[in-house]
Amino acid sequence: MENNMYWGMNERTYCTVIHLSQLASIIAPGLGLILPIVMWVVNKDQSERINQHGRVTANWILSLVVYSIICTVLAFVLIGFIGFAILGLLNLIFAIVAAMKANNDELWVYPLSITFFKS
């Protein structure tokens, strides 16, 4: 592992925080969509590991947006509300699992993620 610092963090910690930063929406709505993508884009050219973790996180975030649009349409027949609850729970679980894997220096591809950004 390199000794480079990214926003005051080593590479492994930075990759872990990319995944956990999705949960920032709990504090400020929308921040969990923007922060991980900004963290990825700012440092993706300095580290292949950051590029990989950012890419899988961005794919999941964009997938969540697509699934949320579908749930919004389905909310008119009430089933969309259940979909939103499931998406919220999956996002919480997936972010924690991905962060734990990143902390162990592993790349975890989010299940149900649509591949918008290829490796």
PDB file of N, CA and C in Angstrom:
ATOM      1  N   MET A   1       0.844  -1.181   0.000  1.00  0.00           N
ATOM      2  CA  MET A   1       0.000   0.000   0.000  1.00  0.00           C
ATOM      3  C   MET A   1       0.887   1.239   0.000  1.00  0.00           C
ATOM      4  N   GLU A   2       0.452   2.245  -0.724  1.00  0.00           N
ATOM      5  CA  GLU A   2       1.209   3.474  -0.812  1.00  0.00           C
ATOM      6  C   GLU A   2       1.034   4.306   0.454  1.00  0.00           C
ATOM      7  N   ASN A   3       1.948   5.244   0.650  1.00  0.00           N
ATOM      8  CA  ASN A   3       1.869   6.125   1.801  1.00  0.00           C
ATOM      9  C   ASN A   3       1.190   7.443   1.472  1.00  0.00           C
ATOM     10  N   ASN A   4       0.601   7.550   0.287  1.00  0.00           N
ATOM     11  CA  ASN A   4      -0.072   8.790  -0.109  1.00  0.00           C
ATOM     12  C   ASN A   4      -1.251   9.052   0.808  1.00  0.00           C
ATOM     13  N   MET A   5      -1.524  10.338   1.008  1.00  0.00           N
ATOM     14  CA  MET A   5      -2.658  10.737   1.836  1.00  0.00           C
ATOM     15  C   MET A   5      -3.719  11.387   0.947  1.00  0.00           C
ATOM     16  N   TYR A   6      -4.953  11.064   1.214  1.00  0.00           N
ATOM     17  CA  TYR A   6      -6.082  11.597   0.473  1.00  0.00           C
ATOM     18  C   TYR A   6      -7.037  12.201   1.492  1.00  0.00           C
ATOM     19  N   TRP A   7      -7.198  13.512   1.439  1.00  0.00           N
ATOM     20  CA  TRP A   7      -8.032  14.241   2.396  1.00  0.00           C
ATOM     21  C   TRP A   7      -7.623  13.897   3.826  1.00  0.00           C
ATOM     22  N   GLY A   8      -6.313  13.713   4.061  1.00  0.00           N
ATOM     23  CA  GLY A   8      -5.792  13.415   5.389  1.00  0.00           C
ATOM     24  C   GLY A   8      -5.911  11.956   5.800  1.00  0.00           C
ATOM     25  N   MET A   9      -6.282  11.080   4.865  1.00  0.00           N
ATOM     26  CA  MET A   9      -6.460   9.657   5.162  1.00  0.00           C
ATOM     27  C   MET A   9      -5.551   8.826   4.268  1.00  0.00           C
ATOM     28  N   ASN A  10      -5.140   7.657   4.779  1.00  0.00           N
ATOM     29  CA  ASN A  10      -4.413   6.748   3.899  1.00  0.00           C
ATOM     30  C   ASN A  10      -5.407   6.142   2.905  1.00  0.00           C
ATOM     31  N   GLU A  11      -4.873   5.463   1.924  1.00  0.00           N
ATOM     32  CA  GLU A  11      -5.697   4.936   0.825  1.00  0.00           C
ATOM     33  C   GLU A  11      -6.792   3.984   1.303  1.00  0.00           C
ATOM     34  N   ARG A  12      -6.452   3.078   2.189  1.00  0.00           N
ATOM     35  CA  ARG A  12      -7.433   2.100   2.670  1.00  0.00           C
ATOM     36  C   ARG A  12      -8.577   2.793   3.418  1.00  0.00           C
ATOM     37  N   THR A  13      -8.234   3.727   4.283  1.00  0.00           N
ATOM     38  CA  THR A  13      -9.253   4.464   5.037  1.00  0.00           C
ATOM     39  C   THR A  13     -10.117   5.292   4.099  1.00  0.00           C
ATOM     40  N   TYR A  14      -9.495   5.926   3.116  1.00  0.00           N
ATOM     41  CA  TYR A  14     -10.230   6.736   2.147  1.00  0.00           C
ATOM     42  C   TYR A  14     -11.254   5.883   1.393  1.00  0.00           C
ATOM     43  N   CYS A  15     -10.839   4.696   0.955  1.00  0.00           N
ATOM     44  CA  CYS A  15     -11.763   3.792   0.255  1.00  0.00           C
ATOM     45  C   CYS A  15     -12.910   3.374   1.173  1.00  0.00           C
ATOM     46  N   THR A  16     -12.601   3.130   2.429  1.00  0.00           N
ATOM     47  CA  THR A  16     -13.641   2.778   3.402  1.00  0.00           C
ATOM     48  C   THR A  16     -14.631   3.923   3.553  1.00  0.00           C
ATOM     49  N   VAL A  17     -14.128   5.139   3.648  1.00  0.00           N
ATOM     50  CA  VAL A  17     -14.988   6.312   3.827  1.00  0.00           C
ATOM     51  C   VAL A  17     -15.830   6.589   2.583  1.00  0.00           C
ATOM     52  N   ILE A  18     -15.306   6.275   1.397  1.00  0.00           N
ATOM     53  CA  ILE A  18     -16.115   6.445   0.181  1.00  0.00           C
ATOM     54  C   ILE A  18     -17.426   5.677   0.340  1.00  0.00           C
ATOM     55  N   HIS A  19     -17.336   4.440   0.800  1.00  0.00           N
ATOM     56  CA  HIS A  19     -18.545   3.626   0.967  1.00  0.00           C
ATOM     57  C   HIS A  19     -19.438   4.177   2.081  1.00  0.00           C
ATOM     58  N   LEU A  20     -18.845   4.504   3.207  1.00  0.00           N
ATOM     59  CA  LEU A  20     -19.628   4.996   4.349  1.00  0.00           C
ATOM     60  C   LEU A  20     -20.237   6.371   4.096  1.00  0.00           C
ATOM     61  N   SER A  21     -19.624   7.148   3.206  1.00  0.00           N
ATOM     62  CA  SER A  21     -20.127   8.501   2.959  1.00  0.00           C
ATOM     63  C   SER A  21     -21.528   8.507   2.354  1.00  0.00           C
ATOM     64  N   GLN A  22     -21.973   7.379   1.827  1.00  0.00           N
ATOM     65  CA  GLN A  22     -23.346   7.280   1.329  1.00  0.00           C
ATOM     66  C   GLN A  22     -24.352   7.526   2.441  1.00  0.00           C
ATOM     67  N   LEU A  23     -23.956   7.203   3.649  1.00  0.00           N
ATOM     68  CA  LEU A  23     -24.860   7.344   4.794  1.00  0.00           C
ATOM     69  C   LEU A  23     -24.970   8.795   5.254  1.00  0.00           C
ATOM     70  N   ALA A  24     -24.238   9.705   4.620  1.00  0.00           N
ATOM     71  CA  ALA A  24     -24.310  11.124   4.971  1.00  0.00           C
ATOM     72  C   ALA A  24     -25.699  11.702   4.703  1.00  0.00           C
ATOM     73  N   SER A  25     -26.497  11.035   3.888  1.00  0.00           N
ATOM     74  CA  SER A  25     -27.868  11.497   3.631  1.00  0.00           C
ATOM     75  C   SER A  25     -28.730  11.438   4.882  1.00  0.00           C
ATOM     76  N   ILE A  26     -28.313  10.662   5.847  1.00  0.00           N
ATOM     77  CA  ILE A  26     -29.036  10.614   7.121  1.00  0.00           C
ATOM     78  C   ILE A  26     -28.948  11.983   7.804  1.00  0.00           C
ATOM     79  N   ILE A  27     -27.814  12.656   7.637  1.00  0.00           N
ATOM     80  CA  ILE A  27     -27.591  13.966   8.256  1.00  0.00           C
ATOM     81  C   ILE A  27     -28.104  15.095   7.367  1.00  0.00           C
ATOM     82  N   ALA A  28     -27.773  15.031   6.086  1.00  0.00           N
ATOM     83  CA  ALA A  28     -28.182  16.065   5.136  1.00  0.00           C
ATOM     84  C   ALA A  28     -28.687  15.389   3.866  1.00  0.00           C
ATOM     85  N   PRO A  29     -29.971  15.507   3.572  1.00  0.00           N
ATOM     86  CA  PRO A  29     -30.535  14.848   2.389  1.00  0.00           C
ATOM     87  C   PRO A  29     -29.756  15.183   1.115  1.00  0.00           C
ATOM     88  N   GLY A  30     -29.444  14.138   0.357  1.00  0.00           N
ATOM     89  CA  GLY A  30     -28.727  14.291  -0.898  1.00  0.00           C
ATOM     90  C   GLY A  30     -27.212  14.225  -0.770  1.00  0.00           C
ATOM     91  N   LEU A  31     -26.697  14.486   0.423  1.00  0.00           N
ATOM     92  CA  LEU A  31     -25.251  14.477   0.615  1.00  0.00           C
ATOM     93  C   LEU A  31     -24.660  13.091   0.353  1.00  0.00           C
ATOM     94  N   GLY A  32     -25.398  12.046   0.688  1.00  0.00           N
ATOM     95  CA  GLY A  32     -24.936  10.684   0.470  1.00  0.00           C
ATOM     96  C   GLY A  32     -24.878  10.297  -1.000  1.00  0.00           C
ATOM     97  N   LEU A  33     -25.534  11.071  -1.840  1.00  0.00           N
ATOM     98  CA  LEU A  33     -25.452  10.844  -3.286  1.00  0.00           C
ATOM     99  C   LEU A  33     -24.256  11.580  -3.875  1.00  0.00           C
ATOM    100  N   ILE A  34     -23.983  12.754  -3.348  1.00  0.00           N
ATOM    101  CA  ILE A  34     -22.953  13.621  -3.921  1.00  0.00           C
ATOM    102  C   ILE A  34     -21.565  13.320  -3.364  1.00  0.00           C
ATOM    103  N   LEU A  35     -21.439  13.189  -2.056  1.00  0.00           N
ATOM    104  CA  LEU A  35     -20.134  13.060  -1.410  1.00  0.00           C
ATOM    105  C   LEU A  35     -19.306  11.877  -1.920  1.00  0.00           C
ATOM    106  N   PRO A  36     -19.859  10.659  -2.029  1.00  0.00           N
ATOM    107  CA  PRO A  36     -19.027   9.556  -2.520  1.00  0.00           C
ATOM    108  C   PRO A  36     -18.537   9.768  -3.948  1.00  0.00           C
ATOM    109  N   ILE A  37     -19.374  10.367  -4.782  1.00  0.00           N
ATOM    110  CA  ILE A  37     -18.983  10.603  -6.167  1.00  0.00           C
ATOM    111  C   ILE A  37     -17.893  11.668  -6.240  1.00  0.00           C
ATOM    112  N   VAL A  38     -18.019  12.716  -5.425  1.00  0.00           N
ATOM    113  CA  VAL A  38     -16.978  13.745  -5.381  1.00  0.00           C
ATOM    114  C   VAL A  38     -15.665  13.137  -4.883  1.00  0.00           C
ATOM    115  N   MET A  39     -15.732  12.325  -3.830  1.00  0.00           N
ATOM    116  CA  MET A  39     -14.518  11.688  -3.299  1.00  0.00           C
ATOM    117  C   MET A  39     -13.849  10.824  -4.366  1.00  0.00           C
ATOM    118  N   TRP A  40     -14.655  10.128  -5.157  1.00  0.00           N
ATOM    119  CA  TRP A  40     -14.124   9.283  -6.226  1.00  0.00           C
ATOM    120  C   TRP A  40     -13.483  10.133  -7.325  1.00  0.00           C
ATOM    121  N   VAL A  41     -14.229  11.095  -7.847  1.00  0.00           N
ATOM    122  CA  VAL A  41     -13.772  11.879  -8.993  1.00  0.00           C
ATOM    123  C   VAL A  41     -12.508  12.672  -8.663  1.00  0.00           C
ATOM    124  N   VAL A  42     -12.423  13.204  -7.459  1.00  0.00           N
ATOM    125  CA  VAL A  42     -11.285  14.039  -7.082  1.00  0.00           C
ATOM    126  C   VAL A  42      -9.973  13.246  -7.059  1.00  0.00           C
ATOM    127  N   ASN A  43     -10.026  11.973  -6.649  1.00  0.00           N
ATOM    128  CA  ASN A  43      -8.781  11.216  -6.474  1.00  0.00           C
ATOM    129  C   ASN A  43      -8.657   9.960  -7.337  1.00  0.00           C
ATOM    130  N   LYS A  44      -9.563   9.738  -8.266  1.00  0.00           N
ATOM    131  CA  LYS A  44      -9.528   8.498  -9.057  1.00  0.00           C
ATOM    132  C   LYS A  44      -8.278   8.372  -9.921  1.00  0.00           C
ATOM    133  N   ASP A  45      -7.716   9.483 -10.336  1.00  0.00           N
ATOM    134  CA  ASP A  45      -6.524   9.423 -11.186  1.00  0.00           C
ATOM    135  C   ASP A  45      -5.238   9.214 -10.385  1.00  0.00           C
ATOM    136  N   GLN A  46      -5.287   9.407  -9.078  1.00  0.00           N
ATOM    137  CA  GLN A  46      -4.108   9.228  -8.233  1.00  0.00           C
ATOM    138  C   GLN A  46      -3.963   7.802  -7.715  1.00  0.00           C
ATOM    139  N   SER A  47      -5.052   7.033  -7.736  1.00  0.00           N
ATOM    140  CA  SER A  47      -5.012   5.691  -7.158  1.00  0.00           C
ATOM    141  C   SER A  47      -6.001   4.775  -7.874  1.00  0.00           C
ATOM    142  N   GLU A  48      -5.511   3.655  -8.370  1.00  0.00           N
ATOM    143  CA  GLU A  48      -6.389   2.682  -9.019  1.00  0.00           C
ATOM    144  C   GLU A  48      -7.358   2.078  -8.012  1.00  0.00           C
ATOM    145  N   ARG A  49      -6.906   1.888  -6.784  1.00  0.00           N
ATOM    146  CA  ARG A  49      -7.778   1.327  -5.746  1.00  0.00           C
ATOM    147  C   ARG A  49      -8.949   2.282  -5.463  1.00  0.00           C
ATOM    148  N   ILE A  50      -8.657   3.551  -5.342  1.00  0.00           N
ATOM    149  CA  ILE A  50      -9.724   4.539  -5.138  1.00  0.00           C
ATOM    150  C   ILE A  50     -10.647   4.554  -6.348  1.00  0.00           C
ATOM    151  N   ASN A  51     -10.096   4.450  -7.544  1.00  0.00           N
ATOM    152  CA  ASN A  51     -10.908   4.407  -8.753  1.00  0.00           C
ATOM    153  C   ASN A  51     -11.860   3.211  -8.729  1.00  0.00           C
ATOM    154  N   GLN A  52     -11.376   2.058  -8.317  1.00  0.00           N
ATOM    155  CA  GLN A  52     -12.220   0.859  -8.270  1.00  0.00           C
ATOM    156  C   GLN A  52     -13.331   0.997  -7.233  1.00  0.00           C
ATOM    157  N   HIS A  53     -12.994   1.425  -6.032  1.00  0.00           N
ATOM    158  CA  HIS A  53     -14.000   1.561  -4.977  1.00  0.00           C
ATOM    159  C   HIS A  53     -15.012   2.658  -5.325  1.00  0.00           C
ATOM    160  N   GLY A  54     -14.521   3.746  -5.880  1.00  0.00           N
ATOM    161  CA  GLY A  54     -15.421   4.820  -6.289  1.00  0.00           C
ATOM    162  C   GLY A  54     -16.358   4.390  -7.397  1.00  0.00           C
ATOM    163  N   ARG A  55     -15.832   3.615  -8.335  1.00  0.00           N
ATOM    164  CA  ARG A  55     -16.645   3.151  -9.462  1.00  0.00           C
ATOM    165  C   ARG A  55     -17.787   2.253  -8.989  1.00  0.00           C
ATOM    166  N   VAL A  56     -17.489   1.282  -8.117  1.00  0.00           N
ATOM    167  CA  VAL A  56     -18.563   0.385  -7.659  1.00  0.00           C
ATOM    168  C   VAL A  56     -19.570   1.148  -6.804  1.00  0.00           C
ATOM    169  N   THR A  57     -19.097   2.136  -6.050  1.00  0.00           N
ATOM    170  CA  THR A  57     -20.009   2.952  -5.239  1.00  0.00           C
ATOM    171  C   THR A  57     -20.888   3.818  -6.129  1.00  0.00           C
ATOM    172  N   ALA A  58     -20.299   4.444  -7.148  1.00  0.00           N
ATOM    173  CA  ALA A  58     -21.084   5.276  -8.070  1.00  0.00           C
ATOM    174  C   ALA A  58     -22.106   4.435  -8.829  1.00  0.00           C
ATOM    175  N   ASN A  59     -21.729   3.225  -9.226  1.00  0.00           N
ATOM    176  CA  ASN A  59     -22.685   2.333  -9.894  1.00  0.00           C
ATOM    177  C   ASN A  59     -23.869   2.040  -8.981  1.00  0.00           C
ATOM    178  N   TRP A  60     -23.591   1.792  -7.701  1.00  0.00           N
ATOM    179  CA  TRP A  60     -24.679   1.496  -6.763  1.00  0.00           C
ATOM    180  C   TRP A  60     -25.556   2.734  -6.552  1.00  0.00           C
ATOM    181  N   ILE A  61     -24.936   3.903  -6.410  1.00  0.00           N
ATOM    182  CA  ILE A  61     -25.712   5.131  -6.181  1.00  0.00           C
ATOM    183  C   ILE A  61     -26.625   5.413  -7.369  1.00  0.00           C
ATOM    184  N   LEU A  62     -26.107   5.290  -8.574  1.00  0.00           N
ATOM    185  CA  LEU A  62     -26.940   5.515  -9.755  1.00  0.00           C
ATOM    186  C   LEU A  62     -28.030   4.448  -9.875  1.00  0.00           C
ATOM    187  N   SER A  63     -27.708   3.227  -9.476  1.00  0.00           N
ATOM    188  CA  SER A  63     -28.721   2.164  -9.451  1.00  0.00           C
ATOM    189  C   SER A  63     -29.827   2.525  -8.467  1.00  0.00           C
ATOM    190  N   LEU A  64     -29.448   3.057  -7.309  1.00  0.00           N
ATOM    191  CA  LEU A  64     -30.441   3.493  -6.318  1.00  0.00           C
ATOM    192  C   LEU A  64     -31.362   4.563  -6.887  1.00  0.00           C
ATOM    193  N   VAL A  65     -30.794   5.478  -7.662  1.00  0.00           N
ATOM    194  CA  VAL A  65     -31.606   6.527  -8.286  1.00  0.00           C
ATOM    195  C   VAL A  65     -32.627   5.892  -9.234  1.00  0.00           C
ATOM    196  N   VAL A  66     -32.172   4.948 -10.067  1.00  0.00           N
ATOM    197  CA  VAL A  66     -33.079   4.267 -10.996  1.00  0.00           C
ATOM    198  C   VAL A  66     -34.170   3.520 -10.221  1.00  0.00           C
ATOM    199  N   TYR A  67     -33.762   2.764  -9.202  1.00  0.00           N
ATOM    200  CA  TYR A  67     -34.735   2.017  -8.402  1.00  0.00           C
ATOM    201  C   TYR A  67     -35.697   2.954  -7.672  1.00  0.00           C
ATOM    202  N   SER A  68     -35.214   4.107  -7.250  1.00  0.00           N
ATOM    203  CA  SER A  68     -36.073   5.079  -6.565  1.00  0.00           C
ATOM    204  C   SER A  68     -37.112   5.668  -7.516  1.00  0.00           C
ATOM    205  N   ILE A  69     -36.713   5.898  -8.750  1.00  0.00           N
ATOM    206  CA  ILE A  69     -37.674   6.392  -9.749  1.00  0.00           C
ATOM    207  C   ILE A  69     -38.769   5.346  -9.961  1.00  0.00           C
ATOM    208  N   ILE A  70     -38.365   4.091 -10.049  1.00  0.00           N
ATOM    209  CA  ILE A  70     -39.342   3.007 -10.208  1.00  0.00           C
ATOM    210  C   ILE A  70     -40.271   2.956  -8.991  1.00  0.00           C
ATOM    211  N   CYS A  71     -39.715   3.093  -7.799  1.00  0.00           N
ATOM    212  CA  CYS A  71     -40.530   3.075  -6.580  1.00  0.00           C
ATOM    213  C   CYS A  71     -41.482   4.262  -6.524  1.00  0.00           C
ATOM    214  N   THR A  72     -41.040   5.408  -7.045  1.00  0.00           N
ATOM    215  CA  THR A  72     -41.905   6.587  -7.075  1.00  0.00           C
ATOM    216  C   THR A  72     -43.133   6.315  -7.933  1.00  0.00           C
ATOM    217  N   VAL A  73     -42.912   5.702  -9.088  1.00  0.00           N
ATOM    218  CA  VAL A  73     -44.041   5.351  -9.955  1.00  0.00           C
ATOM    219  C   VAL A  73     -44.934   4.319  -9.264  1.00  0.00           C
ATOM    220  N   LEU A  74     -44.304   3.325  -8.633  1.00  0.00           N
ATOM    221  CA  LEU A  74     -45.081   2.280  -7.957  1.00  0.00           C
ATOM    222  C   LEU A  74     -45.772   2.772  -6.688  1.00  0.00           C
ATOM    223  N   ALA A  75     -45.377   3.925  -6.186  1.00  0.00           N
ATOM    224  CA  ALA A  75     -46.014   4.477  -4.985  1.00  0.00           C
ATOM    225  C   ALA A  75     -47.476   4.823  -5.251  1.00  0.00           C
ATOM    226  N   PHE A  76     -47.808   5.044  -6.507  1.00  0.00           N
ATOM    227  CA  PHE A  76     -49.206   5.341  -6.845  1.00  0.00           C
ATOM    228  C   PHE A  76     -50.106   4.135  -6.608  1.00  0.00           C
ATOM    229  N   VAL A  77     -49.511   2.942  -6.561  1.00  0.00           N
ATOM    230  CA  VAL A  77     -50.284   1.745  -6.229  1.00  0.00           C
ATOM    231  C   VAL A  77     -49.817   1.178  -4.874  1.00  0.00           C
ATOM    232  N   LEU A  78     -49.182   2.034  -4.092  1.00  0.00           N
ATOM    233  CA  LEU A  78     -48.754   1.782  -2.717  1.00  0.00           C
ATOM    234  C   LEU A  78     -47.567   0.832  -2.551  1.00  0.00           C
ATOM    235  N   ILE A  79     -47.303  -0.049  -3.499  1.00  0.00           N
ATOM    236  CA  ILE A  79     -46.192  -0.983  -3.327  1.00  0.00           C
ATOM    237  C   ILE A  79     -44.836  -0.269  -3.358  1.00  0.00           C
ATOM    238  N   GLY A  80     -44.788   0.918  -3.959  1.00  0.00           N
ATOM    239  CA  GLY A  80     -43.546   1.679  -4.026  1.00  0.00           C
ATOM    240  C   GLY A  80     -43.018   2.067  -2.656  1.00  0.00           C
ATOM    241  N   PHE A  81     -43.916   2.254  -1.699  1.00  0.00           N
ATOM    242  CA  PHE A  81     -43.487   2.611  -0.346  1.00  0.00           C
ATOM    243  C   PHE A  81     -42.705   1.471   0.301  1.00  0.00           C
ATOM    244  N   ILE A  82     -43.130   0.255   0.017  1.00  0.00           N
ATOM    245  CA  ILE A  82     -42.389  -0.919   0.504  1.00  0.00           C
ATOM    246  C   ILE A  82     -41.021  -0.963  -0.192  1.00  0.00           C
ATOM    247  N   GLY A  83     -41.011  -0.647  -1.470  1.00  0.00           N
ATOM    248  CA  GLY A  83     -39.760  -0.606  -2.223  1.00  0.00           C
ATOM    249  C   GLY A  83     -38.777   0.401  -1.644  1.00  0.00           C
ATOM    250  N   PHE A  84     -39.273   1.580  -1.267  1.00  0.00           N
ATOM    251  CA  PHE A  84     -38.403   2.592  -0.651  1.00  0.00           C
ATOM    252  C   PHE A  84     -37.807   2.087   0.660  1.00  0.00           C
ATOM    253  N   ALA A  85     -38.607   1.417   1.460  1.00  0.00           N
ATOM    254  CA  ALA A  85     -38.116   0.878   2.731  1.00  0.00           C
ATOM    255  C   ALA A  85     -37.026  -0.167   2.477  1.00  0.00           C
ATOM    256  N   ILE A  86     -37.260  -1.016   1.496  1.00  0.00           N
ATOM    257  CA  ILE A  86     -36.274  -2.047   1.155  1.00  0.00           C
ATOM    258  C   ILE A  86     -34.994  -1.401   0.632  1.00  0.00           C
ATOM    259  N   LEU A  87     -35.119  -0.396  -0.230  1.00  0.00           N
ATOM    260  CA  LEU A  87     -33.933   0.295  -0.754  1.00  0.00           C
ATOM    261  C   LEU A  87     -33.131   0.955   0.363  1.00  0.00           C
ATOM    262  N   GLY A  88     -33.818   1.583   1.302  1.00  0.00           N
ATOM    263  CA  GLY A  88     -33.129   2.217   2.425  1.00  0.00           C
ATOM    264  C   GLY A  88     -32.351   1.211   3.252  1.00  0.00           C
ATOM    265  N   LEU A  89     -32.985   0.081   3.522  1.00  0.00           N
ATOM    266  CA  LEU A  89     -32.331  -0.970   4.304  1.00  0.00           C
ATOM    267  C   LEU A  89     -31.140  -1.559   3.539  1.00  0.00           C
ATOM    268  N   LEU A  90     -31.337  -1.826   2.251  1.00  0.00           N
ATOM    269  CA  LEU A  90     -30.243  -2.368   1.431  1.00  0.00           C
ATOM    270  C   LEU A  90     -29.073  -1.394   1.362  1.00  0.00           C
ATOM    271  N   ASN A  91     -29.377  -0.112   1.210  1.00  0.00           N
ATOM    272  CA  ASN A  91     -28.298   0.874   1.131  1.00  0.00           C
ATOM    273  C   ASN A  91     -27.486   0.899   2.422  1.00  0.00           C
ATOM    274  N   LEU A  92     -28.149   0.840   3.548  1.00  0.00           N
ATOM    275  CA  LEU A  92     -27.460   0.814   4.838  1.00  0.00           C
ATOM    276  C   LEU A  92     -26.579  -0.432   4.961  1.00  0.00           C
ATOM    277  N   ILE A  93     -27.150  -1.586   4.678  1.00  0.00           N
ATOM    278  CA  ILE A  93     -26.412  -2.851   4.790  1.00  0.00           C
ATOM    279  C   ILE A  93     -25.263  -2.894   3.795  1.00  0.00           C
ATOM    280  N   PHE A  94     -25.538  -2.547   2.542  1.00  0.00           N
ATOM    281  CA  PHE A  94     -24.512  -2.616   1.502  1.00  0.00           C
ATOM    282  C   PHE A  94     -23.350  -1.661   1.793  1.00  0.00           C
ATOM    283  N   ALA A  95     -23.650  -0.445   2.258  1.00  0.00           N
ATOM    284  CA  ALA A  95     -22.584   0.513   2.562  1.00  0.00           C
ATOM    285  C   ALA A  95     -21.688  -0.012   3.680  1.00  0.00           C
ATOM    286  N   ILE A  96     -22.280  -0.618   4.697  1.00  0.00           N
ATOM    287  CA  ILE A  96     -21.497  -1.148   5.812  1.00  0.00           C
ATOM    288  C   ILE A  96     -20.658  -2.346   5.367  1.00  0.00           C
ATOM    289  N   VAL A  97     -21.256  -3.262   4.619  1.00  0.00           N
ATOM    290  CA  VAL A  97     -20.509  -4.432   4.131  1.00  0.00           C
ATOM    291  C   VAL A  97     -19.353  -3.988   3.233  1.00  0.00           C
ATOM    292  N   ALA A  98     -19.635  -3.071   2.291  1.00  0.00           N
ATOM    293  CA  ALA A  98     -18.593  -2.596   1.373  1.00  0.00           C
ATOM    294  C   ALA A  98     -17.471  -1.896   2.135  1.00  0.00           C
ATOM    295  N   ALA A  99     -17.821  -1.118   3.155  1.00  0.00           N
ATOM    296  CA  ALA A  99     -16.798  -0.427   3.954  1.00  0.00           C
ATOM    297  C   ALA A  99     -15.943  -1.429   4.727  1.00  0.00           C
ATOM    298  N   MET A 100     -16.571  -2.445   5.284  1.00  0.00           N
ATOM    299  CA  MET A 100     -15.810  -3.467   6.012  1.00  0.00           C
ATOM    300  C   MET A 100     -14.859  -4.196   5.066  1.00  0.00           C
ATOM    301  N   LYS A 101     -15.346  -4.520   3.876  1.00  0.00           N
ATOM    302  CA  LYS A 101     -14.496  -5.185   2.884  1.00  0.00           C
ATOM    303  C   LYS A 101     -13.342  -4.269   2.472  1.00  0.00           C
ATOM    304  N   ALA A 102     -13.639  -2.989   2.241  1.00  0.00           N
ATOM    305  CA  ALA A 102     -12.592  -2.039   1.853  1.00  0.00           C
ATOM    306  C   ALA A 102     -11.551  -1.910   2.960  1.00  0.00           C
ATOM    307  N   ASN A 103     -12.003  -1.927   4.196  1.00  0.00           N
ATOM    308  CA  ASN A 103     -11.070  -1.842   5.320  1.00  0.00           C
ATOM    309  C   ASN A 103     -10.171  -3.073   5.391  1.00  0.00           C
ATOM    310  N   ASN A 104     -10.649  -4.200   4.854  1.00  0.00           N
ATOM    311  CA  ASN A 104      -9.839  -5.424   4.768  1.00  0.00           C
ATOM    312  C   ASN A 104      -9.098  -5.508   3.435  1.00  0.00           C
ATOM    313  N   ASP A 105      -9.065  -4.399   2.718  1.00  0.00           N
ATOM    314  CA  ASP A 105      -8.364  -4.300   1.435  1.00  0.00           C
ATOM    315  C   ASP A 105      -8.984  -5.189   0.360  1.00  0.00           C
ATOM    316  N   GLU A 106     -10.307  -5.331   0.395  1.00  0.00           N
ATOM    317  CA  GLU A 106     -11.036  -6.110  -0.606  1.00  0.00           C
ATOM    318  C   GLU A 106     -12.007  -5.188  -1.347  1.00  0.00           C
ATOM    319  N   LEU A 107     -12.242  -5.488  -2.610  1.00  0.00           N
ATOM    320  CA  LEU A 107     -13.235  -4.763  -3.395  1.00  0.00           C
ATOM    321  C   LEU A 107     -14.503  -5.597  -3.433  1.00  0.00           C
ATOM    322  N   TRP A 108     -15.624  -5.008  -3.034  1.00  0.00           N
ATOM    323  CA  TRP A 108     -16.907  -5.704  -3.015  1.00  0.00           C
ATOM    324  C   TRP A 108     -17.842  -4.997  -3.980  1.00  0.00           C
ATOM    325  N   VAL A 109     -18.347  -5.730  -4.946  1.00  0.00           N
ATOM    326  CA  VAL A 109     -19.294  -5.173  -5.904  1.00  0.00           C
ATOM    327  C   VAL A 109     -20.693  -5.329  -5.316  1.00  0.00           C
ATOM    328  N   TYR A 110     -21.417  -4.218  -5.253  1.00  0.00           N
ATOM    329  CA  TYR A 110     -22.749  -4.211  -4.658  1.00  0.00           C
ATOM    330  C   TYR A 110     -23.699  -5.109  -5.450  1.00  0.00           C
ATOM    331  N   PRO A 111     -24.387  -6.008  -4.768  1.00  0.00           N
ATOM    332  CA  PRO A 111     -25.407  -6.803  -5.463  1.00  0.00           C
ATOM    333  C   PRO A 111     -26.518  -5.865  -5.979  1.00  0.00           C
ATOM    334  N   LEU A 112     -27.185  -6.256  -7.027  1.00  0.00           N
ATOM    335  CA  LEU A 112     -28.280  -5.497  -7.636  1.00  0.00           C
ATOM    336  C   LEU A 112     -27.822  -4.201  -8.285  1.00  0.00           C
ATOM    337  N   SER A 113     -26.514  -4.005  -8.387  1.00  0.00           N
ATOM    338  CA  SER A 113     -25.972  -2.778  -8.957  1.00  0.00           C
ATOM    339  C   SER A 113     -25.916  -2.882 -10.479  1.00  0.00           C
ATOM    340  N   ILE A 114     -26.387  -1.845 -11.129  1.00  0.00           N
ATOM    341  CA  ILE A 114     -26.314  -1.755 -12.585  1.00  0.00           C
ATOM    342  C   ILE A 114     -24.939  -1.188 -12.939  1.00  0.00           C
ATOM    343  N   THR A 115     -24.288  -1.744 -13.944  1.00  0.00           N
ATOM    344  CA  THR A 115     -22.951  -1.279 -14.310  1.00  0.00           C
ATOM    345  C   THR A 115     -23.059  -0.098 -15.281  1.00  0.00           C
ATOM    346  N   PHE A 116     -22.922   1.103 -14.725  1.00  0.00           N
ATOM    347  CA  PHE A 116     -22.892   2.323 -15.532  1.00  0.00           C
ATOM    348  C   PHE A 116     -21.451   2.645 -15.916  1.00  0.00           C
ATOM    349  N   PHE A 117     -20.525   2.409 -14.971  1.00  0.00           N
ATOM    350  CA  PHE A 117     -19.100   2.671 -15.177  1.00  0.00           C
ATOM    351  C   PHE A 117     -18.377   1.352 -15.187  1.00  0.00           C
ATOM    352  N   LYS A 118     -17.811   0.996 -16.312  1.00  0.00           N
ATOM    353  CA  LYS A 118     -17.099  -0.275 -16.437  1.00  0.00           C
ATOM    354  C   LYS A 118     -15.647  -0.119 -15.992  1.00  0.00           C
ATOM    355  N   SER A 119     -15.037  -1.239 -15.572  1.00  0.00           N
ATOM    356  CA  SER A 119     -13.640  -1.170 -15.133  1.00  0.00           C
ATOM    357  C   SER A 119     -12.686  -1.212 -16.305  1.00  0.00           C
TER     358      SER A 119
END
